[in-house]
Amino acid sequence: QVQLVESGGGLVQPGGSLTLSCAASGFTVSTYYMSWYRQAPGKEREFVATISVTGSTNYEDSVKGRFTISRDNAKNTVYLQMNSLKPGDTAVYYCKAPTASWGKGTLVTVSS
């Protein structure tokens, strides 16, 4: 069964860090583009970052230099390291693969 399960969200103060995980089953993450998206309250889902089969990465402008997407092939898991978090980063974060439906996401709240 093809499935994505996100985890690692929580409440963090501005300037803090979090690492999100996306565990995949039913397919191999290293053979597809894997992406992170987010949806803030009252807003549409938006692209955050992607990692290609070759390992090249691309980021939405507002997270460049703060977020890092990576992949652990042995664990079949994709990560999103988030540093220097801002209140505007508050959202439900989802990972996505072409072969899988949207998961439930993980909530990140940046607040003092």
PDB file of N, CA and C in Angstrom:
ATOM      1  N   GLN A   1       0.834  -1.187   0.000  1.00  0.00           N
ATOM      2  CA  GLN A   1       0.000   0.000   0.000  1.00  0.00           C
ATOM      3  C   GLN A   1       0.874   1.245   0.000  1.00  0.00           C
ATOM      4  N   VAL A   2       0.604   2.144  -0.924  1.00  0.00           N
ATOM      5  CA  VAL A   2       1.371   3.392  -1.025  1.00  0.00           C
ATOM      6  C   VAL A   2       0.879   4.361   0.039  1.00  0.00           C
ATOM      7  N   GLN A   3       1.800   4.822   0.864  1.00  0.00           N
ATOM      8  CA  GLN A   3       1.406   5.683   1.974  1.00  0.00           C
ATOM      9  C   GLN A   3       2.535   6.617   2.364  1.00  0.00           C
ATOM     10  N   LEU A   4       2.163   7.823   2.801  1.00  0.00           N
ATOM     11  CA  LEU A   4       3.096   8.813   3.348  1.00  0.00           C
ATOM     12  C   LEU A   4       2.602   9.214   4.723  1.00  0.00           C
ATOM     13  N   VAL A   5       3.492   9.199   5.698  1.00  0.00           N
ATOM     14  CA  VAL A   5       3.121   9.581   7.060  1.00  0.00           C
ATOM     15  C   VAL A   5       4.094  10.645   7.541  1.00  0.00           C
ATOM     16  N   GLU A   6       3.557  11.843   7.769  1.00  0.00           N
ATOM     17  CA  GLU A   6       4.362  12.962   8.247  1.00  0.00           C
ATOM     18  C   GLU A   6       4.376  12.992   9.775  1.00  0.00           C
ATOM     19  N   SER A   7       5.492  13.462  10.336  1.00  0.00           N
ATOM     20  CA  SER A   7       5.599  13.611  11.781  1.00  0.00           C
ATOM     21  C   SER A   7       6.648  14.665  12.093  1.00  0.00           C
ATOM     22  N   GLY A   8       6.697  15.060  13.375  1.00  0.00           N
ATOM     23  CA  GLY A   8       7.729  15.983  13.819  1.00  0.00           C
ATOM     24  C   GLY A   8       7.269  17.399  14.072  1.00  0.00           C
ATOM     25  N   GLY A   9       6.016  17.678  13.784  1.00  0.00           N
ATOM     26  CA  GLY A   9       5.509  19.020  14.030  1.00  0.00           C
ATOM     27  C   GLY A   9       5.351  19.307  15.505  1.00  0.00           C
ATOM     28  N   GLY A  10       5.039  20.556  15.813  1.00  0.00           N
ATOM     29  CA  GLY A  10       4.838  20.955  17.201  1.00  0.00           C
ATOM     30  C   GLY A  10       4.856  22.454  17.342  1.00  0.00           C
ATOM     31  N   LEU A  11       4.903  22.887  18.595  1.00  0.00           N
ATOM     32  CA  LEU A  11       4.949  24.314  18.918  1.00  0.00           C
ATOM     33  C   LEU A  11       6.403  24.720  19.145  1.00  0.00           C
ATOM     34  N   VAL A  12       6.821  25.772  18.487  1.00  0.00           N
ATOM     35  CA  VAL A  12       8.196  26.258  18.619  1.00  0.00           C
ATOM     36  C   VAL A  12       8.183  27.775  18.650  1.00  0.00           C
ATOM     37  N   GLN A  13       9.118  28.353  19.374  1.00  0.00           N
ATOM     38  CA  GLN A  13       9.217  29.808  19.449  1.00  0.00           C
ATOM     39  C   GLN A  13       9.863  30.366  18.182  1.00  0.00           C
ATOM     40  N   PRO A  14       9.567  31.608  17.851  1.00  0.00           N
ATOM     41  CA  PRO A  14      10.237  32.238  16.709  1.00  0.00           C
ATOM     42  C   PRO A  14      11.750  32.150  16.860  1.00  0.00           C
ATOM     43  N   GLY A  15      12.404  31.827  15.746  1.00  0.00           N
ATOM     44  CA  GLY A  15      13.846  31.623  15.767  1.00  0.00           C
ATOM     45  C   GLY A  15      14.274  30.203  16.051  1.00  0.00           C
ATOM     46  N   GLY A  16      13.321  29.362  16.423  1.00  0.00           N
ATOM     47  CA  GLY A  16      13.634  27.980  16.749  1.00  0.00           C
ATOM     48  C   GLY A  16      13.717  27.087  15.530  1.00  0.00           C
ATOM     49  N   SER A  17      13.924  25.797  15.805  1.00  0.00           N
ATOM     50  CA  SER A  17      14.104  24.810  14.741  1.00  0.00           C
ATOM     51  C   SER A  17      13.231  23.589  14.966  1.00  0.00           C
ATOM     52  N   LEU A  18      12.883  22.946  13.872  1.00  0.00           N
ATOM     53  CA  LEU A  18      12.173  21.671  13.896  1.00  0.00           C
ATOM     54  C   LEU A  18      12.627  20.852  12.697  1.00  0.00           C
ATOM     55  N   THR A  19      12.565  19.542  12.849  1.00  0.00           N
ATOM     56  CA  THR A  19      12.814  18.656  11.721  1.00  0.00           C
ATOM     57  C   THR A  19      11.580  17.782  11.507  1.00  0.00           C
ATOM     58  N   LEU A  20      11.015  17.876  10.326  1.00  0.00           N
ATOM     59  CA  LEU A  20       9.862  17.059   9.957  1.00  0.00           C
ATOM     60  C   LEU A  20      10.336  15.806   9.229  1.00  0.00           C
ATOM     61  N   SER A  21       9.599  14.718   9.438  1.00  0.00           N
ATOM     62  CA  SER A  21       9.902  13.458   8.759  1.00  0.00           C
ATOM     63  C   SER A  21       8.706  13.023   7.932  1.00  0.00           C
ATOM     64  N   CYS A  22       8.994  12.335   6.850  1.00  0.00           N
ATOM     65  CA  CYS A  22       7.964  11.772   5.980  1.00  0.00           C
ATOM     66  C   CYS A  22       8.367  10.337   5.666  1.00  0.00           C
ATOM     67  N   ALA A  23       7.707   9.403   6.330  1.00  0.00           N
ATOM     68  CA  ALA A  23       8.012   7.990   6.124  1.00  0.00           C
ATOM     69  C   ALA A  23       7.135   7.441   5.003  1.00  0.00           C
ATOM     70  N   ALA A  24       7.769   6.832   4.017  1.00  0.00           N
ATOM     71  CA  ALA A  24       7.050   6.309   2.867  1.00  0.00           C
ATOM     72  C   ALA A  24       6.979   4.791   2.921  1.00  0.00           C
ATOM     73  N   SER A  25       5.885   4.271   2.430  1.00  0.00           N
ATOM     74  CA  SER A  25       5.737   2.823   2.286  1.00  0.00           C
ATOM     75  C   SER A  25       5.058   2.528   0.962  1.00  0.00           C
ATOM     76  N   GLY A  26       5.384   1.381   0.398  1.00  0.00           N
ATOM     77  CA  GLY A  26       4.771   0.974  -0.855  1.00  0.00           C
ATOM     78  C   GLY A  26       5.500   1.455  -2.095  1.00  0.00           C
ATOM     79  N   PHE A  27       6.516   2.270  -1.924  1.00  0.00           N
ATOM     80  CA  PHE A  27       7.340   2.720  -3.032  1.00  0.00           C
ATOM     81  C   PHE A  27       8.665   3.221  -2.463  1.00  0.00           C
ATOM     82  N   THR A  28       9.618   3.486  -3.346  1.00  0.00           N
ATOM     83  CA  THR A  28      10.958   3.902  -2.924  1.00  0.00           C
ATOM     84  C   THR A  28      11.146   5.387  -3.191  1.00  0.00           C
ATOM     85  N   VAL A  29      11.421   6.152  -2.134  1.00  0.00           N
ATOM     86  CA  VAL A  29      11.480   7.612  -2.271  1.00  0.00           C
ATOM     87  C   VAL A  29      12.603   8.062  -3.192  1.00  0.00           C
ATOM     88  N   SER A  30      13.655   7.260  -3.303  1.00  0.00           N
ATOM     89  CA  SER A  30      14.800   7.672  -4.109  1.00  0.00           C
ATOM     90  C   SER A  30      14.511   7.621  -5.607  1.00  0.00           C
ATOM     91  N   THR A  31      13.398   7.059  -5.995  1.00  0.00           N
ATOM     92  CA  THR A  31      13.077   6.925  -7.419  1.00  0.00           C
ATOM     93  C   THR A  31      12.050   7.940  -7.898  1.00  0.00           C
ATOM     94  N   TYR A  32      11.667   8.865  -7.029  1.00  0.00           N
ATOM     95  CA  TYR A  32      10.696   9.891  -7.392  1.00  0.00           C
ATOM     96  C   TYR A  32      11.119  11.256  -6.845  1.00  0.00           C
ATOM     97  N   TYR A  33      10.639  12.305  -7.513  1.00  0.00           N
ATOM     98  CA  TYR A  33      10.701  13.625  -6.901  1.00  0.00           C
ATOM     99  C   TYR A  33       9.848  13.577  -5.637  1.00  0.00           C
ATOM    100  N   MET A  34      10.397  14.058  -4.527  1.00  0.00           N
ATOM    101  CA  MET A  34       9.656  14.148  -3.279  1.00  0.00           C
ATOM    102  C   MET A  34       9.578  15.618  -2.867  1.00  0.00           C
ATOM    103  N   SER A  35       8.424  16.031  -2.399  1.00  0.00           N
ATOM    104  CA  SER A  35       8.221  17.446  -2.103  1.00  0.00           C
ATOM    105  C   SER A  35       7.551  17.642  -0.749  1.00  0.00           C
ATOM    106  N   TRP A  36       7.735  18.825  -0.226  1.00  0.00           N
ATOM    107  CA  TRP A  36       7.001  19.284   0.956  1.00  0.00           C
ATOM    108  C   TRP A  36       6.117  20.466   0.534  1.00  0.00           C
ATOM    109  N   TYR A  37       4.905  20.470   1.055  1.00  0.00           N
ATOM    110  CA  TYR A  37       3.969  21.565   0.871  1.00  0.00           C
ATOM    111  C   TYR A  37       3.470  21.981   2.243  1.00  0.00           C
ATOM    112  N   ARG A  38       2.836  23.133   2.321  1.00  0.00           N
ATOM    113  CA  ARG A  38       2.226  23.562   3.577  1.00  0.00           C
ATOM    114  C   ARG A  38       0.943  24.315   3.301  1.00  0.00           C
ATOM    115  N   GLN A  39       0.070  24.291   4.293  1.00  0.00           N
ATOM    116  CA  GLN A  39      -1.188  25.021   4.195  1.00  0.00           C
ATOM    117  C   GLN A  39      -1.435  25.762   5.492  1.00  0.00           C
ATOM    118  N   ALA A  40      -1.365  27.074   5.408  1.00  0.00           N
ATOM    119  CA  ALA A  40      -1.614  27.924   6.565  1.00  0.00           C
ATOM    120  C   ALA A  40      -3.120  28.104   6.745  1.00  0.00           C
ATOM    121  N   PRO A  41      -3.542  28.439   7.952  1.00  0.00           N
ATOM    122  CA  PRO A  41      -4.982  28.643   8.189  1.00  0.00           C
ATOM    123  C   PRO A  41      -5.587  29.662   7.232  1.00  0.00           C
ATOM    124  N   GLY A  42      -6.642  29.288   6.555  1.00  0.00           N
ATOM    125  CA  GLY A  42      -7.330  30.200   5.656  1.00  0.00           C
ATOM    126  C   GLY A  42      -6.662  30.426   4.317  1.00  0.00           C
ATOM    127  N   LYS A  43      -5.594  29.679   4.055  1.00  0.00           N
ATOM    128  CA  LYS A  43      -4.866  29.863   2.799  1.00  0.00           C
ATOM    129  C   LYS A  43      -4.810  28.559   2.012  1.00  0.00           C
ATOM    130  N   GLU A  44      -4.440  28.680   0.738  1.00  0.00           N
ATOM    131  CA  GLU A  44      -4.295  27.491  -0.093  1.00  0.00           C
ATOM    132  C   GLU A  44      -2.964  26.800   0.197  1.00  0.00           C
ATOM    133  N   ARG A  45      -2.927  25.523  -0.134  1.00  0.00           N
ATOM    134  CA  ARG A  45      -1.691  24.768   0.019  1.00  0.00           C
ATOM    135  C   ARG A  45      -0.637  25.326  -0.940  1.00  0.00           C
ATOM    136  N   GLU A  46       0.605  25.436  -0.445  1.00  0.00           N
ATOM    137  CA  GLU A  46       1.663  25.991  -1.268  1.00  0.00           C
ATOM    138  C   GLU A  46       2.913  25.115  -1.219  1.00  0.00           C
ATOM    139  N   PHE A  47       3.680  25.203  -2.292  1.00  0.00           N
ATOM    140  CA  PHE A  47       4.932  24.463  -2.407  1.00  0.00           C
ATOM    141  C   PHE A  47       5.972  25.022  -1.442  1.00  0.00           C
ATOM    142  N   VAL A  48       6.763  24.109  -0.842  1.00  0.00           N
ATOM    143  CA  VAL A  48       7.832  24.534   0.056  1.00  0.00           C
ATOM    144  C   VAL A  48       9.203  24.124  -0.495  1.00  0.00           C
ATOM    145  N   ALA A  49       9.346  22.826  -0.803  1.00  0.00           N
ATOM    146  CA  ALA A  49      10.653  22.335  -1.225  1.00  0.00           C
ATOM    147  C   ALA A  49      10.489  21.027  -1.969  1.00  0.00           C
ATOM    148  N   THR A  50      11.472  20.710  -2.814  1.00  0.00           N
ATOM    149  CA  THR A  50      11.470  19.446  -3.514  1.00  0.00           C
ATOM    150  C   THR A  50      12.891  18.918  -3.638  1.00  0.00           C
ATOM    151  N   ILE A  51      13.013  17.593  -3.709  1.00  0.00           N
ATOM    152  CA  ILE A  51      14.295  16.945  -3.937  1.00  0.00           C
ATOM    153  C   ILE A  51      14.123  15.960  -5.085  1.00  0.00           C
ATOM    154  N   SER A  52      15.037  16.020  -6.024  1.00  0.00           N
ATOM    155  CA  SER A  52      14.916  15.181  -7.216  1.00  0.00           C
ATOM    156  C   SER A  52      15.561  13.811  -7.006  1.00  0.00           C
ATOM    157  N   VAL A  53      15.451  12.976  -8.007  1.00  0.00           N
ATOM    158  CA  VAL A  53      16.065  11.650  -7.959  1.00  0.00           C
ATOM    159  C   VAL A  53      17.578  11.762  -7.807  1.00  0.00           C
ATOM    160  N   THR A  54      18.160  12.770  -8.423  1.00  0.00           N
ATOM    161  CA  THR A  54      19.613  12.957  -8.353  1.00  0.00           C
ATOM    162  C   THR A  54      20.054  13.686  -7.090  1.00  0.00           C
ATOM    163  N   GLY A  55      19.088  14.168  -6.308  1.00  0.00           N
ATOM    164  CA  GLY A  55      19.428  14.861  -5.068  1.00  0.00           C
ATOM    165  C   GLY A  55      19.443  16.369  -5.171  1.00  0.00           C
ATOM    166  N   SER A  56      19.167  16.892  -6.344  1.00  0.00           N
ATOM    167  CA  SER A  56      19.100  18.349  -6.455  1.00  0.00           C
ATOM    168  C   SER A  56      17.843  18.853  -5.744  1.00  0.00           C
ATOM    169  N   THR A  57      17.921  20.065  -5.224  1.00  0.00           N
ATOM    170  CA  THR A  57      16.831  20.605  -4.413  1.00  0.00           C
ATOM    171  C   THR A  57      16.360  21.952  -4.954  1.00  0.00           C
ATOM    172  N   ASN A  58      15.138  22.283  -4.590  1.00  0.00           N
ATOM    173  CA  ASN A  58      14.564  23.567  -4.980  1.00  0.00           C
ATOM    174  C   ASN A  58      13.645  24.021  -3.858  1.00  0.00           C
ATOM    175  N   TYR A  59      13.613  25.339  -3.608  1.00  0.00           N
ATOM    176  CA  TYR A  59      12.870  25.868  -2.480  1.00  0.00           C
ATOM    177  C   TYR A  59      12.019  27.064  -2.879  1.00  0.00           C
ATOM    178  N   GLU A  60      10.925  27.206  -2.179  1.00  0.00           N
ATOM    179  CA  GLU A  60      10.122  28.428  -2.292  1.00  0.00           C
ATOM    180  C   GLU A  60      10.959  29.573  -1.725  1.00  0.00           C
ATOM    181  N   ASP A  61      10.824  30.742  -2.316  1.00  0.00           N
ATOM    182  CA  ASP A  61      11.724  31.844  -1.993  1.00  0.00           C
ATOM    183  C   ASP A  61      11.766  32.189  -0.501  1.00  0.00           C
ATOM    184  N   SER A  62      10.631  32.138   0.171  1.00  0.00           N
ATOM    185  CA  SER A  62      10.584  32.598   1.560  1.00  0.00           C
ATOM    186  C   SER A  62      11.299  31.651   2.524  1.00  0.00           C
ATOM    187  N   VAL A  63      11.610  30.425   2.090  1.00  0.00           N
ATOM    188  CA  VAL A  63      12.282  29.479   2.988  1.00  0.00           C
ATOM    189  C   VAL A  63      13.726  29.218   2.593  1.00  0.00           C
ATOM    190  N   LYS A  64      14.160  29.783   1.478  1.00  0.00           N
ATOM    191  CA  LYS A  64      15.545  29.584   1.037  1.00  0.00           C
ATOM    192  C   LYS A  64      16.521  30.055   2.108  1.00  0.00           C
ATOM    193  N   GLY A  65      17.522  29.238   2.387  1.00  0.00           N
ATOM    194  CA  GLY A  65      18.510  29.564   3.400  1.00  0.00           C
ATOM    195  C   GLY A  65      18.090  29.201   4.808  1.00  0.00           C
ATOM    196  N   ARG A  66      16.824  28.840   4.996  1.00  0.00           N
ATOM    197  CA  ARG A  66      16.333  28.466   6.332  1.00  0.00           C
ATOM    198  C   ARG A  66      15.911  26.992   6.397  1.00  0.00           C
ATOM    199  N   PHE A  67      15.359  26.476   5.321  1.00  0.00           N
ATOM    200  CA  PHE A  67      14.868  25.098   5.280  1.00  0.00           C
ATOM    201  C   PHE A  67      15.784  24.248   4.415  1.00  0.00           C
ATOM    202  N   THR A  68      15.902  22.977   4.775  1.00  0.00           N
ATOM    203  CA  THR A  68      16.690  22.025   3.992  1.00  0.00           C
ATOM    204  C   THR A  68      15.921  20.724   3.836  1.00  0.00           C
ATOM    205  N   ILE A  69      15.701  20.304   2.603  1.00  0.00           N
ATOM    206  CA  ILE A  69      15.064  19.015   2.337  1.00  0.00           C
ATOM    207  C   ILE A  69      16.153  17.980   2.104  1.00  0.00           C
ATOM    208  N   SER A  70      15.945  16.794   2.650  1.00  0.00           N
ATOM    209  CA  SER A  70      16.922  15.720   2.470  1.00  0.00           C
ATOM    210  C   SER A  70      16.203  14.386   2.447  1.00  0.00           C
ATOM    211  N   ARG A  71      16.974  13.340   2.147  1.00  0.00           N
ATOM    212  CA  ARG A  71      16.376  12.017   1.968  1.00  0.00           C
ATOM    213  C   ARG A  71      17.320  10.971   2.548  1.00  0.00           C
ATOM    214  N   ASP A  72      16.763  10.021   3.277  1.00  0.00           N
ATOM    215  CA  ASP A  72      17.531   8.874   3.783  1.00  0.00           C
ATOM    216  C   ASP A  72      17.003   7.640   3.062  1.00  0.00           C
ATOM    217  N   ASN A  73      17.752   7.174   2.086  1.00  0.00           N
ATOM    218  CA  ASN A  73      17.271   6.059   1.277  1.00  0.00           C
ATOM    219  C   ASN A  73      17.129   4.774   2.090  1.00  0.00           C
ATOM    220  N   ALA A  74      18.011   4.578   3.033  1.00  0.00           N
ATOM    221  CA  ALA A  74      17.952   3.358   3.847  1.00  0.00           C
ATOM    222  C   ALA A  74      16.681   3.302   4.692  1.00  0.00           C
ATOM    223  N   LYS A  75      16.233   4.468   5.133  1.00  0.00           N
ATOM    224  CA  LYS A  75      15.015   4.540   5.947  1.00  0.00           C
ATOM    225  C   LYS A  75      13.787   4.828   5.104  1.00  0.00           C
ATOM    226  N   ASN A  76      13.991   5.064   3.806  1.00  0.00           N
ATOM    227  CA  ASN A  76      12.894   5.413   2.904  1.00  0.00           C
ATOM    228  C   ASN A  76      12.083   6.586   3.445  1.00  0.00           C
ATOM    229  N   THR A  77      12.803   7.597   3.890  1.00  0.00           N
ATOM    230  CA  THR A  77      12.202   8.741   4.582  1.00  0.00           C
ATOM    231  C   THR A  77      12.774  10.040   4.014  1.00  0.00           C
ATOM    232  N   VAL A  78      11.909  11.028   3.927  1.00  0.00           N
ATOM    233  CA  VAL A  78      12.300  12.369   3.508  1.00  0.00           C
ATOM    234  C   VAL A  78      12.150  13.308   4.702  1.00  0.00           C
ATOM    235  N   TYR A  79      13.064  14.257   4.816  1.00  0.00           N
ATOM    236  CA  TYR A  79      13.074  15.179   5.956  1.00  0.00           C
ATOM    237  C   TYR A  79      12.970  16.621   5.487  1.00  0.00           C
ATOM    238  N   LEU A  80      12.514  17.471   6.388  1.00  0.00           N
ATOM    239  CA  LEU A  80      12.553  18.906   6.175  1.00  0.00           C
ATOM    240  C   LEU A  80      13.102  19.535   7.446  1.00  0.00           C
ATOM    241  N   GLN A  81      14.355  19.971   7.380  1.00  0.00           N
ATOM    242  CA  GLN A  81      14.977  20.676   8.497  1.00  0.00           C
ATOM    243  C   GLN A  81      14.599  22.151   8.389  1.00  0.00           C
ATOM    244  N   MET A  82      13.987  22.679   9.440  1.00  0.00           N
ATOM    245  CA  MET A  82      13.513  24.060   9.415  1.00  0.00           C
ATOM    246  C   MET A  82      14.205  24.851  10.516  1.00  0.00           C
ATOM    247  N   ASN A  83      14.940  25.871  10.134  1.00  0.00           N
ATOM    248  CA  ASN A  83      15.649  26.736  11.078  1.00  0.00           C
ATOM    249  C   ASN A  83      15.113  28.157  10.990  1.00  0.00           C
ATOM    250  N   SER A  84      15.438  28.954  11.992  1.00  0.00           N
ATOM    251  CA  SER A  84      15.030  30.364  12.022  1.00  0.00           C
ATOM    252  C   SER A  84      13.538  30.507  11.717  1.00  0.00           C
ATOM    253  N   LEU A  85      12.750  29.721  12.386  1.00  0.00           N
ATOM    254  CA  LEU A  85      11.312  29.707  12.105  1.00  0.00           C
ATOM    255  C   LEU A  85      10.653  31.032  12.458  1.00  0.00           C
ATOM    256  N   LYS A  86       9.656  31.388  11.655  1.00  0.00           N
ATOM    257  CA  LYS A  86       8.919  32.641  11.815  1.00  0.00           C
ATOM    258  C   LYS A  86       7.437  32.318  12.022  1.00  0.00           C
ATOM    259  N   PRO A  87       6.694  33.236  12.622  1.00  0.00           N
ATOM    260  CA  PRO A  87       5.250  32.992  12.770  1.00  0.00           C
ATOM    261  C   PRO A  87       4.563  32.699  11.435  1.00  0.00           C
ATOM    262  N   GLY A  88       5.058  33.274  10.369  1.00  0.00           N
ATOM    263  CA  GLY A  88       4.489  33.041   9.050  1.00  0.00           C
ATOM    264  C   GLY A  88       4.712  31.635   8.530  1.00  0.00           C
ATOM    265  N   ASP A  89       5.548  30.849   9.216  1.00  0.00           N
ATOM    266  CA  ASP A  89       5.759  29.448   8.828  1.00  0.00           C
ATOM    267  C   ASP A  89       4.705  28.529   9.439  1.00  0.00           C
ATOM    268  N   THR A  90       3.848  29.073  10.295  1.00  0.00           N
ATOM    269  CA  THR A  90       2.799  28.275  10.901  1.00  0.00           C
ATOM    270  C   THR A  90       1.869  27.699   9.845  1.00  0.00           C
ATOM    271  N   ALA A  91       1.740  26.378   9.840  1.00  0.00           N
ATOM    272  CA  ALA A  91       0.944  25.697   8.819  1.00  0.00           C
ATOM    273  C   ALA A  91       0.921  24.206   9.109  1.00  0.00           C
ATOM    274  N   VAL A  92       0.053  23.508   8.398  1.00  0.00           N
ATOM    275  CA  VAL A  92       0.133  22.052   8.338  1.00  0.00           C
ATOM    276  C   VAL A  92       1.059  21.711   7.176  1.00  0.00           C
ATOM    277  N   TYR A  93       2.056  20.897   7.449  1.00  0.00           N
ATOM    278  CA  TYR A  93       3.049  20.524   6.450  1.00  0.00           C
ATOM    279  C   TYR A  93       2.772  19.119   5.936  1.00  0.00           C
ATOM    280  N   TYR A  94       2.821  18.978   4.619  1.00  0.00           N
ATOM    281  CA  TYR A  94       2.555  17.710   3.961  1.00  0.00           C
ATOM    282  C   TYR A  94       3.738  17.342   3.064  1.00  0.00           C
ATOM    283  N   CYS A  95       4.037  16.055   2.983  1.00  0.00           N
ATOM    284  CA  CYS A  95       4.966  15.631   1.948  1.00  0.00           C
ATOM    285  C   CYS A  95       4.172  15.000   0.822  1.00  0.00           C
ATOM    286  N   LYS A  96       4.782  14.950  -0.352  1.00  0.00           N
ATOM    287  CA  LYS A  96       4.039  14.493  -1.534  1.00  0.00           C
ATOM    288  C   LYS A  96       4.971  13.779  -2.483  1.00  0.00           C
ATOM    289  N   ALA A  97       4.449  12.694  -3.038  1.00  0.00           N
ATOM    290  CA  ALA A  97       5.115  11.978  -4.113  1.00  0.00           C
ATOM    291  C   ALA A  97       4.108  11.781  -5.234  1.00  0.00           C
ATOM    292  N   PRO A  98       4.579  11.674  -6.454  1.00  0.00           N
ATOM    293  CA  PRO A  98       3.642  11.515  -7.575  1.00  0.00           C
ATOM    294  C   PRO A  98       2.759  10.275  -7.452  1.00  0.00           C
ATOM    295  N   THR A  99       3.265   9.273  -6.745  1.00  0.00           N
ATOM    296  CA  THR A  99       2.547   8.003  -6.669  1.00  0.00           C
ATOM    297  C   THR A  99       1.588   7.920  -5.486  1.00  0.00           C
ATOM    298  N   ALA A 100       1.608   8.905  -4.587  1.00  0.00           N
ATOM    299  CA  ALA A 100       0.851   8.794  -3.343  1.00  0.00           C
ATOM    300  C   ALA A 100      -0.161   9.911  -3.193  1.00  0.00           C
ATOM    301  N   SER A 101      -1.224   9.606  -2.479  1.00  0.00           N
ATOM    302  CA  SER A 101      -2.206  10.628  -2.124  1.00  0.00           C
ATOM    303  C   SER A 101      -1.656  11.486  -0.985  1.00  0.00           C
ATOM    304  N   TRP A 102      -2.320  12.595  -0.731  1.00  0.00           N
ATOM    305  CA  TRP A 102      -1.913  13.450   0.385  1.00  0.00           C
ATOM    306  C   TRP A 102      -2.095  12.701   1.687  1.00  0.00           C
ATOM    307  N   GLY A 103      -1.115  12.874   2.609  1.00  0.00           N
ATOM    308  CA  GLY A 103      -1.246  12.330   3.945  1.00  0.00           C
ATOM    309  C   GLY A 103      -2.008  13.290   4.829  1.00  0.00           C
ATOM    310  N   LYS A 104      -1.961  13.028   6.130  1.00  0.00           N
ATOM    311  CA  LYS A 104      -2.689  13.874   7.079  1.00  0.00           C
ATOM    312  C   LYS A 104      -1.906  15.117   7.436  1.00  0.00           C
ATOM    313  N   GLY A 105      -0.627  15.126   7.180  1.00  0.00           N
ATOM    314  CA  GLY A 105       0.194  16.286   7.482  1.00  0.00           C
ATOM    315  C   GLY A 105       0.594  16.344   8.947  1.00  0.00           C
ATOM    316  N   THR A 106       1.445  17.319   9.256  1.00  0.00           N
ATOM    317  CA  THR A 106       1.872  17.551  10.633  1.00  0.00           C
ATOM    318  C   THR A 106       1.863  19.048  10.880  1.00  0.00           C
ATOM    319  N   LEU A 107       1.295  19.452  12.011  1.00  0.00           N
ATOM    320  CA  LEU A 107       1.086  20.867  12.304  1.00  0.00           C
ATOM    321  C   LEU A 107       2.330  21.482  12.932  1.00  0.00           C
ATOM    322  N   VAL A 108       2.751  22.588  12.361  1.00  0.00           N
ATOM    323  CA  VAL A 108       3.847  23.385  12.905  1.00  0.00           C
ATOM    324  C   VAL A 108       3.271  24.733  13.329  1.00  0.00           C
ATOM    325  N   THR A 109       3.466  25.067  14.591  1.00  0.00           N
ATOM    326  CA  THR A 109       3.004  26.341  15.117  1.00  0.00           C
ATOM    327  C   THR A 109       4.196  27.119  15.645  1.00  0.00           C
ATOM    328  N   VAL A 110       4.416  28.292  15.092  1.00  0.00           N
ATOM    329  CA  VAL A 110       5.529  29.142  15.520  1.00  0.00           C
ATOM    330  C   VAL A 110       4.938  30.333  16.271  1.00  0.00           C
ATOM    331  N   SER A 111       5.152  30.353  17.566  1.00  0.00           N
ATOM    332  CA  SER A 111       4.541  31.372  18.398  1.00  0.00           C
ATOM    333  C   SER A 111       5.303  31.505  19.702  1.00  0.00           C
ATOM    334  N   SER A 112       5.307  32.733  20.232  1.00  0.00           N
ATOM    335  CA  SER A 112       5.926  32.963  21.532  1.00  0.00           C
ATOM    336  C   SER A 112       4.879  32.877  22.641  1.00  0.00           C
TER     337      SER A 112
END
